[in-house]
Amino acid sequence: MSGDAVLSSSSVAREMIRTTLHGTERTYIVIDGLDECERNSRKEISNWFRELVESVPPAEMDSIRCLFVSQDDGIARKDLGRLPTLKITTENEGDLKAYAEAQHREMEAKFGLLRDYDCHIANILCARARGEPSTAESLLKKTSF
């Protein structure tokens, strides 16, 4: 109704992705929110991307990487069970925080200091991994732009 183009065919979406992949040397795909899809769609999407990655010849296997981000529920575990997984818990929070802090420093070195509001990537990321809103997110929600 907005007048914007809407992609309503999964076969067209698959063909567009294949075409895009043929035009790139290295591709990283992140699929977030898969757990929010209906069960059949979730299974179709995860199977198609898994088959796509597995179809790459061994000599080119580093040309495409796919990361699925999902809640750890029984259905996701069943659909993504054949894939390597990393569950973010308090046990690996230190590793996550160290990585995010390094990325934060690189971003600040390149772009300058990030805005205040306790806007430190590591703090935000670790809070979100625990399922909590970060201080920065809480403040930003209260701030009108």
Protein backbone atom coordinates (compact mmCIF):
# COMPACT_ATOMS: atom_id res chain seq x y z
CA MET A 1 0.00 0.00 0.00
CA SER A 2 3.02 2.28 0.46
CA GLY A 3 3.92 2.06 -3.21
CA ASP A 4 7.27 0.39 -2.41
CA ALA A 5 8.23 -2.80 -4.17
CA VAL A 6 7.43 -5.91 -2.12
CA LEU A 7 9.18 -9.21 -2.64
CA SER A 8 6.51 -11.86 -2.31
CA SER A 9 8.11 -14.83 -4.04
CA SER A 10 10.72 -16.98 -2.33
CA SER A 11 11.90 -18.28 -5.72
CA VAL A 12 12.62 -14.72 -6.88
CA ALA A 13 14.44 -14.02 -3.60
CA ARG A 14 16.59 -17.14 -4.04
CA GLU A 15 17.46 -16.18 -7.61
CA MET A 16 18.37 -12.64 -6.54
CA ILE A 17 20.67 -14.01 -3.84
CA ARG A 18 22.34 -16.45 -6.27
CA THR A 19 22.90 -13.65 -8.78
CA THR A 20 24.41 -11.43 -6.09
CA LEU A 21 26.72 -14.21 -4.90
CA HIS A 22 28.06 -14.82 -8.41
CA GLY A 23 29.14 -11.19 -8.58
CA THR A 24 31.16 -11.21 -5.36
CA GLU A 25 34.48 -12.74 -4.36
CA ARG A 26 33.62 -13.14 -0.67
CA THR A 27 30.23 -12.87 1.01
CA TYR A 28 29.16 -12.88 4.63
CA ILE A 29 25.46 -13.36 5.26
CA VAL A 30 23.85 -12.76 8.66
CA ILE A 31 20.30 -13.98 9.14
CA ASP A 32 18.78 -12.63 12.34
CA GLY A 33 15.28 -13.19 13.63
CA LEU A 34 14.84 -16.61 12.09
CA ASP A 35 13.12 -17.70 15.31
CA GLU A 36 10.42 -15.11 14.58
CA CYS A 37 9.39 -16.82 11.34
CA GLU A 38 6.71 -19.47 11.07
CA ARG A 39 8.02 -23.03 11.46
CA ASN A 40 7.77 -23.95 7.76
CA SER A 41 9.42 -20.71 6.63
CA ARG A 42 12.17 -21.11 9.20
CA LYS A 43 12.90 -24.63 8.01
CA GLU A 44 12.83 -23.60 4.34
CA ILE A 45 15.17 -20.64 4.89
CA SER A 46 17.67 -22.52 7.05
CA ASN A 47 17.76 -25.53 4.70
CA TRP A 48 18.18 -23.38 1.59
CA PHE A 49 21.05 -21.33 3.01
CA ARG A 50 22.72 -24.43 4.43
CA GLU A 51 22.52 -26.16 1.04
CA LEU A 52 23.81 -23.01 -0.66
CA VAL A 53 26.90 -22.88 1.57
CA GLU A 54 27.47 -26.64 1.32
CA SER A 55 27.28 -26.51 -2.50
CA VAL A 56 30.36 -24.29 -2.77
CA PRO A 57 33.33 -26.27 -4.15
CA PRO A 58 36.00 -27.10 -1.52
CA ALA A 59 38.56 -24.85 -3.23
CA GLU A 60 36.20 -21.86 -2.79
CA MET A 61 34.73 -22.73 0.60
CA ASP A 62 35.85 -19.45 2.16
CA SER A 63 33.93 -17.44 -0.45
CA ILE A 64 30.66 -17.57 1.49
CA ARG A 65 29.89 -17.65 5.18
CA CYS A 66 26.44 -17.69 6.72
CA LEU A 67 25.57 -16.86 10.34
CA PHE A 68 22.15 -17.63 11.80
CA VAL A 69 21.20 -15.66 14.92
CA SER A 70 18.32 -17.16 16.85
CA GLN A 71 16.84 -17.78 20.24
CA ASP A 72 17.91 -21.13 21.63
CA ASP A 73 14.62 -22.97 21.59
CA GLY A 74 13.78 -26.55 20.69
CA ILE A 75 12.59 -25.72 17.18
CA ALA A 76 15.67 -23.67 16.29
CA ARG A 77 17.90 -26.40 17.68
CA LYS A 78 16.13 -28.90 15.43
CA ASP A 79 16.33 -26.72 12.29
CA LEU A 80 19.92 -25.60 12.86
CA GLY A 81 21.16 -28.71 14.66
CA ARG A 82 23.57 -29.78 11.91
CA LEU A 83 25.39 -26.44 12.04
CA PRO A 84 28.17 -25.42 14.40
CA THR A 85 26.73 -23.31 17.20
CA LEU A 86 27.89 -20.78 19.72
CA LYS A 87 25.63 -20.13 22.66
CA ILE A 88 26.24 -16.82 24.38
CA THR A 89 26.17 -17.33 28.13
CA THR A 90 27.75 -15.77 31.20
CA GLU A 91 30.57 -18.30 30.76
CA ASN A 92 31.76 -16.73 27.50
CA GLU A 93 30.74 -13.16 28.29
CA GLY A 94 34.38 -12.21 28.95
CA ASP A 95 35.42 -13.31 25.45
CA LEU A 96 32.47 -11.47 23.93
CA LYS A 97 33.28 -8.33 25.90
CA ALA A 98 37.01 -8.44 24.97
CA TYR A 99 36.14 -8.76 21.27
CA ALA A 100 33.57 -5.97 21.43
CA GLU A 101 35.98 -3.69 23.30
CA ALA A 102 38.61 -4.21 20.59
CA GLN A 103 36.03 -3.41 17.90
CA HIS A 104 34.94 -0.34 19.86
CA ARG A 105 38.54 0.95 20.00
CA GLU A 106 38.96 0.39 16.26
CA MET A 107 35.76 2.30 15.50
CA GLU A 108 36.78 5.19 17.73
CA ALA A 109 40.26 5.27 16.15
CA LYS A 110 38.68 5.48 12.72
CA PHE A 111 35.66 7.73 13.38
CA GLY A 112 36.40 9.52 16.67
CA LEU A 113 34.77 9.15 20.06
CA LEU A 114 31.32 7.62 20.13
CA ARG A 115 28.51 9.60 21.70
CA ASP A 116 28.10 9.40 25.43
CA TYR A 117 25.07 7.74 27.16
CA ASP A 118 27.32 4.86 28.26
CA CYS A 119 27.49 4.09 24.54
CA HIS A 120 30.18 1.46 24.75
CA ILE A 121 29.66 -1.37 22.29
CA ALA A 122 30.91 -4.03 24.73
CA ASN A 123 28.46 -2.94 27.44
CA ILE A 124 25.54 -2.85 25.03
CA LEU A 125 26.40 -6.19 23.45
CA CYS A 126 26.90 -8.00 26.76
CA ALA A 127 23.68 -6.58 28.21
CA ARG A 128 21.74 -7.66 25.13
CA ALA A 129 23.32 -11.13 25.27
CA ARG A 130 21.91 -11.44 28.80
CA GLY A 131 18.51 -10.34 27.48
CA GLU A 132 18.72 -6.97 29.21
CA PRO A 133 18.45 -3.52 27.64
CA SER A 134 21.66 -1.56 28.05
CA THR A 135 21.78 1.83 29.78
CA ALA A 136 22.44 3.43 26.40
CA GLU A 137 19.40 1.78 24.82
CA SER A 138 17.20 2.83 27.72
CA LEU A 139 18.40 6.42 27.44
CA LEU A 140 18.03 6.48 23.66
CA LYS A 141 14.45 5.24 23.89
CA LYS A 142 13.65 8.14 26.23
CA THR A 143 15.37 10.69 23.98
CA SER A 144 13.41 12.16 21.10
CA PHE A 145 15.29 12.90 17.88
